[in-house]
């Protein structure tokens, strides 16, 4: 003779209508601990990646300025600025641009326009981003990203 035991899901949990406060607190604590361990690691990586992007953009701008000089025999003036890399400056017959991808002068990863100086103090021209703090100088993610280093 064979006896089958049938247990239905509803019978197992029929007296239980939801989670207890203790169970909810336990889950929230676990989520908080995980967030406390994981989030700081990603925040540091985001800052480092912005610095890397800014360095790459400064290099791309420098390359575009060199191409501009090869065509026109000079760098853009301070008044023309980096916009001369995407739009023909007045009176520039030998301009053969645009010299930048997507015809846009990029802003630095913190949303600020790059500073262009011609003539530069550290070379023919200077391109500068003041980093995450937006102020001259600094260290780490606040350090300036410049074309001469």
C-alpha atoms as a PDB file:
ATOM      1  CA  UNK A   1       0.000   0.000   0.000  1.00  0.00           C
ATOM      2  CA  UNK A   2       1.330   3.330  -1.039  1.00  0.00           C
ATOM      3  CA  UNK A   3       0.592   6.604   0.736  1.00  0.00           C
ATOM      4  CA  UNK A   4       1.180   9.910  -0.991  1.00  0.00           C
ATOM      5  CA  UNK A   5       1.708  13.020   1.000  1.00  0.00           C
ATOM      6  CA  UNK A   6       0.433  16.102  -0.702  1.00  0.00           C
ATOM      7  CA  UNK A   7       1.475  19.474   0.555  1.00  0.00           C
ATOM      8  CA  UNK A   8       0.181  22.474  -1.265  1.00  0.00           C
ATOM      9  CA  UNK A   9       1.968  25.778  -1.376  1.00  0.00           C
ATOM     10  CA  UNK A  10      -1.071  27.554   0.013  1.00  0.00           C
ATOM     11  CA  UNK A  11      -1.263  25.242   3.041  1.00  0.00           C
ATOM     12  CA  UNK A  12       2.413  25.792   3.885  1.00  0.00           C
ATOM     13  CA  UNK A  13       2.169  29.547   4.011  1.00  0.00           C
ATOM     14  CA  UNK A  14      -1.489  30.169   4.736  1.00  0.00           C
ATOM     15  CA  UNK A  15      -0.833  31.959   8.031  1.00  0.00           C
ATOM     16  CA  UNK A  16       1.905  34.125   6.544  1.00  0.00           C
ATOM     17  CA  UNK A  17       0.853  37.315   4.788  1.00  0.00           C
ATOM     18  CA  UNK A  18       4.159  39.148   4.302  1.00  0.00           C
ATOM     19  CA  UNK A  19       7.640  39.764   5.586  1.00  0.00           C
ATOM     20  CA  UNK A  20       8.320  40.560   9.207  1.00  0.00           C
ATOM     21  CA  UNK A  21      10.014  43.791  10.197  1.00  0.00           C
ATOM     22  CA  UNK A  22      13.082  41.838  11.276  1.00  0.00           C
ATOM     23  CA  UNK A  23      13.391  40.204   7.849  1.00  0.00           C
ATOM     24  CA  UNK A  24      13.106  43.571   6.096  1.00  0.00           C
ATOM     25  CA  UNK A  25      15.740  45.137   8.349  1.00  0.00           C
ATOM     26  CA  UNK A  26      18.056  42.192   7.672  1.00  0.00           C
ATOM     27  CA  UNK A  27      17.723  42.618   3.881  1.00  0.00           C
ATOM     28  CA  UNK A  28      18.278  46.379   4.084  1.00  0.00           C
ATOM     29  CA  UNK A  29      21.435  45.871   6.179  1.00  0.00           C
ATOM     30  CA  UNK A  30      22.818  43.362   3.669  1.00  0.00           C
ATOM     31  CA  UNK A  31      22.126  45.717   0.751  1.00  0.00           C
ATOM     32  CA  UNK A  32      23.756  48.575   2.661  1.00  0.00           C
ATOM     33  CA  UNK A  33      26.873  46.514   3.366  1.00  0.00           C
ATOM     34  CA  UNK A  34      27.182  45.480  -0.265  1.00  0.00           C
ATOM     35  CA  UNK A  35      26.726  49.048  -1.458  1.00  0.00           C
ATOM     36  CA  UNK A  36      29.317  50.254   1.051  1.00  0.00           C
ATOM     37  CA  UNK A  37      31.860  47.813  -0.319  1.00  0.00           C
ATOM     38  CA  UNK A  38      31.143  48.070  -4.034  1.00  0.00           C
ATOM     39  CA  UNK A  39      30.203  51.711  -4.731  1.00  0.00           C
ATOM     40  CA  UNK A  40      33.504  53.305  -3.571  1.00  0.00           C
ATOM     41  CA  UNK A  41      35.443  51.080  -5.961  1.00  0.00           C
ATOM     42  CA  UNK A  42      33.384  52.224  -8.940  1.00  0.00           C
ATOM     43  CA  UNK A  43      33.487  55.906  -7.964  1.00  0.00           C
ATOM     44  CA  UNK A  44      37.292  55.853  -8.063  1.00  0.00           C
ATOM     45  CA  UNK A  45      37.271  54.211 -11.480  1.00  0.00           C
ATOM     46  CA  UNK A  46      34.896  56.821 -12.916  1.00  0.00           C
ATOM     47  CA  UNK A  47      37.224  59.621 -11.840  1.00  0.00           C
ATOM     48  CA  UNK A  48      40.250  57.883 -13.368  1.00  0.00           C
ATOM     49  CA  UNK A  49      38.410  57.263 -16.611  1.00  0.00           C
ATOM     50  CA  UNK A  50      37.520  60.960 -16.901  1.00  0.00           C
ATOM     51  CA  UNK A  51      41.199  61.872 -16.552  1.00  0.00           C
ATOM     52  CA  UNK A  52      42.058  59.324 -19.258  1.00  0.00           C
ATOM     53  CA  UNK A  53      39.359  60.752 -21.550  1.00  0.00           C
ATOM     54  CA  UNK A  54      40.627  64.303 -20.995  1.00  0.00           C
ATOM     55  CA  UNK A  55      44.192  63.273 -21.878  1.00  0.00           C
ATOM     56  CA  UNK A  56      42.960  61.583 -25.060  1.00  0.00           C
ATOM     57  CA  UNK A  57      40.943  64.669 -26.020  1.00  0.00           C
ATOM     58  CA  UNK A  58      43.936  66.962 -25.462  1.00  0.00           C
ATOM     59  CA  UNK A  59      45.987  64.685 -27.741  1.00  0.00           C
ATOM     60  CA  UNK A  60      43.248  64.763 -30.398  1.00  0.00           C
ATOM     61  CA  UNK A  61      43.094  68.563 -30.218  1.00  0.00           C
ATOM     62  CA  UNK A  62      46.889  68.759 -30.530  1.00  0.00           C
ATOM     63  CA  UNK A  63      46.792  66.507 -33.592  1.00  0.00           C
ATOM     64  CA  UNK A  64      44.054  68.662 -35.143  1.00  0.00           C
ATOM     65  CA  UNK A  65      46.081  71.830 -34.447  1.00  0.00           C
ATOM     66  CA  UNK A  66      49.103  70.312 -36.191  1.00  0.00           C
ATOM     67  CA  UNK A  67      46.971  69.450 -39.247  1.00  0.00           C
ATOM     68  CA  UNK A  68      45.579  73.000 -39.224  1.00  0.00           C
ATOM     69  CA  UNK A  69      49.129  74.392 -39.164  1.00  0.00           C
ATOM     70  CA  UNK A  70      50.219  72.140 -42.034  1.00  0.00           C
ATOM     71  CA  UNK A  71      47.425  73.575 -44.198  1.00  0.00           C
ATOM     72  CA  UNK A  72      47.562  77.230 -43.140  1.00  0.00           C
ATOM     73  CA  UNK A  73      51.230  77.600 -42.035  1.00  0.00           C
ATOM     74  CA  UNK A  74      50.156  78.910 -38.601  1.00  0.00           C
ATOM     75  CA  UNK A  75      48.098  77.973 -35.557  1.00  0.00           C
ATOM     76  CA  UNK A  76      44.720  79.599 -34.851  1.00  0.00           C
ATOM     77  CA  UNK A  77      44.877  82.876 -32.959  1.00  0.00           C
ATOM     78  CA  UNK A  78      43.509  83.227 -29.428  1.00  0.00           C
ATOM     79  CA  UNK A  79      40.504  85.038 -30.898  1.00  0.00           C
ATOM     80  CA  UNK A  80      39.801  82.214 -33.354  1.00  0.00           C
ATOM     81  CA  UNK A  81      40.423  79.605 -30.672  1.00  0.00           C
ATOM     82  CA  UNK A  82      39.711  75.914 -31.122  1.00  0.00           C
ATOM     83  CA  UNK A  83      36.574  76.765 -33.122  1.00  0.00           C
ATOM     84  CA  UNK A  84      38.930  77.353 -36.077  1.00  0.00           C
ATOM     85  CA  UNK A  85      39.356  73.582 -36.203  1.00  0.00           C
ATOM     86  CA  UNK A  86      35.744  73.054 -37.264  1.00  0.00           C
ATOM     87  CA  UNK A  87      34.760  76.244 -39.096  1.00  0.00           C
ATOM     88  CA  UNK A  88      36.752  78.261 -41.609  1.00  0.00           C
ATOM     89  CA  UNK A  89      38.042  81.442 -39.961  1.00  0.00           C
ATOM     90  CA  UNK A  90      37.452  84.661 -41.938  1.00  0.00           C
ATOM     91  CA  UNK A  91      40.157  85.297 -44.526  1.00  0.00           C
ATOM     92  CA  UNK A  92      41.696  81.836 -44.230  1.00  0.00           C
ATOM     93  CA  UNK A  93      42.059  80.654 -47.852  1.00  0.00           C
ATOM     94  CA  UNK A  94      44.163  77.563 -47.199  1.00  0.00           C
ATOM     95  CA  UNK A  95      41.918  76.066 -44.509  1.00  0.00           C
ATOM     96  CA  UNK A  96      41.073  72.464 -45.424  1.00  0.00           C
ATOM     97  CA  UNK A  97      39.062  71.281 -42.434  1.00  0.00           C
ATOM     98  CA  UNK A  98      37.163  70.408 -40.450  1.00  0.00           C
ATOM     99  CA  UNK A  99      39.997  68.919 -38.439  1.00  0.00           C
ATOM    100  CA  UNK A 100      37.939  67.319 -35.679  1.00  0.00           C
ATOM    101  CA  UNK A 101      35.721  64.254 -35.773  1.00  0.00           C
ATOM    102  CA  UNK A 102      31.992  65.055 -35.834  1.00  0.00           C
ATOM    103  CA  UNK A 103      32.767  68.758 -36.418  1.00  0.00           C
ATOM    104  CA  UNK A 104      32.536  69.506 -32.698  1.00  0.00           C
ATOM    105  CA  UNK A 105      35.120  70.948 -30.332  1.00  0.00           C
ATOM    106  CA  UNK A 106      34.757  68.669 -27.319  1.00  0.00           C
ATOM    107  CA  UNK A 107      34.348  69.915 -23.792  1.00  0.00           C
ATOM    108  CA  UNK A 108      36.390  68.228 -21.097  1.00  0.00           C
ATOM    109  CA  UNK A 109      34.732  65.318 -19.237  1.00  0.00           C
ATOM    110  CA  UNK A 110      33.568  67.748 -16.535  1.00  0.00           C
ATOM    111  CA  UNK A 111      31.635  69.833 -19.087  1.00  0.00           C
ATOM    112  CA  UNK A 112      34.073  72.756 -19.322  1.00  0.00           C
ATOM    113  CA  UNK A 113      35.625  74.099 -22.520  1.00  0.00           C
ATOM    114  CA  UNK A 114      39.343  73.495 -22.957  1.00  0.00           C
ATOM    115  CA  UNK A 115      41.537  76.551 -22.580  1.00  0.00           C
ATOM    116  CA  UNK A 116      43.571  77.359 -25.699  1.00  0.00           C
ATOM    117  CA  UNK A 117      46.480  79.808 -25.606  1.00  0.00           C
ATOM    118  CA  UNK A 118      48.521  80.902 -28.597  1.00  0.00           C
ATOM    119  CA  UNK A 119      51.360  81.508 -28.303  1.00  0.00           C
ATOM    120  CA  UNK A 120      51.716  79.150 -25.392  1.00  0.00           C
ATOM    121  CA  UNK A 121      53.982  79.463 -22.378  1.00  0.00           C
ATOM    122  CA  UNK A 122      55.088  75.834 -22.661  1.00  0.00           C
ATOM    123  CA  UNK A 123      55.233  75.391 -26.434  1.00  0.00           C
ATOM    124  CA  UNK A 124      53.762  76.806 -29.618  1.00  0.00           C
ATOM    125  CA  UNK A 125      50.323  76.568 -27.994  1.00  0.00           C
ATOM    126  CA  UNK A 126      48.848  75.416 -24.688  1.00  0.00           C
ATOM    127  CA  UNK A 127      45.689  73.358 -24.220  1.00  0.00           C
ATOM    128  CA  UNK A 128      44.491  73.101 -20.626  1.00  0.00           C
ATOM    129  CA  UNK A 129      41.736  71.445 -18.613  1.00  0.00           C
ATOM    130  CA  UNK A 130      41.717  72.237 -14.898  1.00  0.00           C
ATOM    131  CA  UNK A 131      40.414  68.779 -13.977  1.00  0.00           C
ATOM    132  CA  UNK A 132      37.486  67.864 -11.784  1.00  0.00           C
ATOM    133  CA  UNK A 133      37.802  70.827  -9.412  1.00  0.00           C
ATOM    134  CA  UNK A 134      37.931  73.417 -12.227  1.00  0.00           C
ATOM    135  CA  UNK A 135      40.828  75.209 -10.521  1.00  0.00           C
ATOM    136  CA  UNK A 136      44.447  75.575 -11.547  1.00  0.00           C
ATOM    137  CA  UNK A 137      46.771  73.058  -9.913  1.00  0.00           C
ATOM    138  CA  UNK A 138      45.641  70.128  -7.829  1.00  0.00           C
ATOM    139  CA  UNK A 139      46.517  66.491  -7.507  1.00  0.00           C
ATOM    140  CA  UNK A 140      44.911  63.219  -8.535  1.00  0.00           C
ATOM    141  CA  UNK A 141      41.582  63.804 -10.270  1.00  0.00           C
ATOM    142  CA  UNK A 142      41.844  67.531  -9.530  1.00  0.00           C
ATOM    143  CA  UNK A 143      45.178  67.804 -11.398  1.00  0.00           C
ATOM    144  CA  UNK A 144      45.375  69.874 -14.561  1.00  0.00           C
ATOM    145  CA  UNK A 145      45.475  68.028 -17.891  1.00  0.00           C
ATOM    146  CA  UNK A 146      47.787  69.894 -20.243  1.00  0.00           C
ATOM    147  CA  UNK A 147      49.175  69.559 -23.760  1.00  0.00           C
ATOM    148  CA  UNK A 148      52.848  69.916 -22.842  1.00  0.00           C
ATOM    149  CA  UNK A 149      53.178  66.879 -20.581  1.00  0.00           C
END
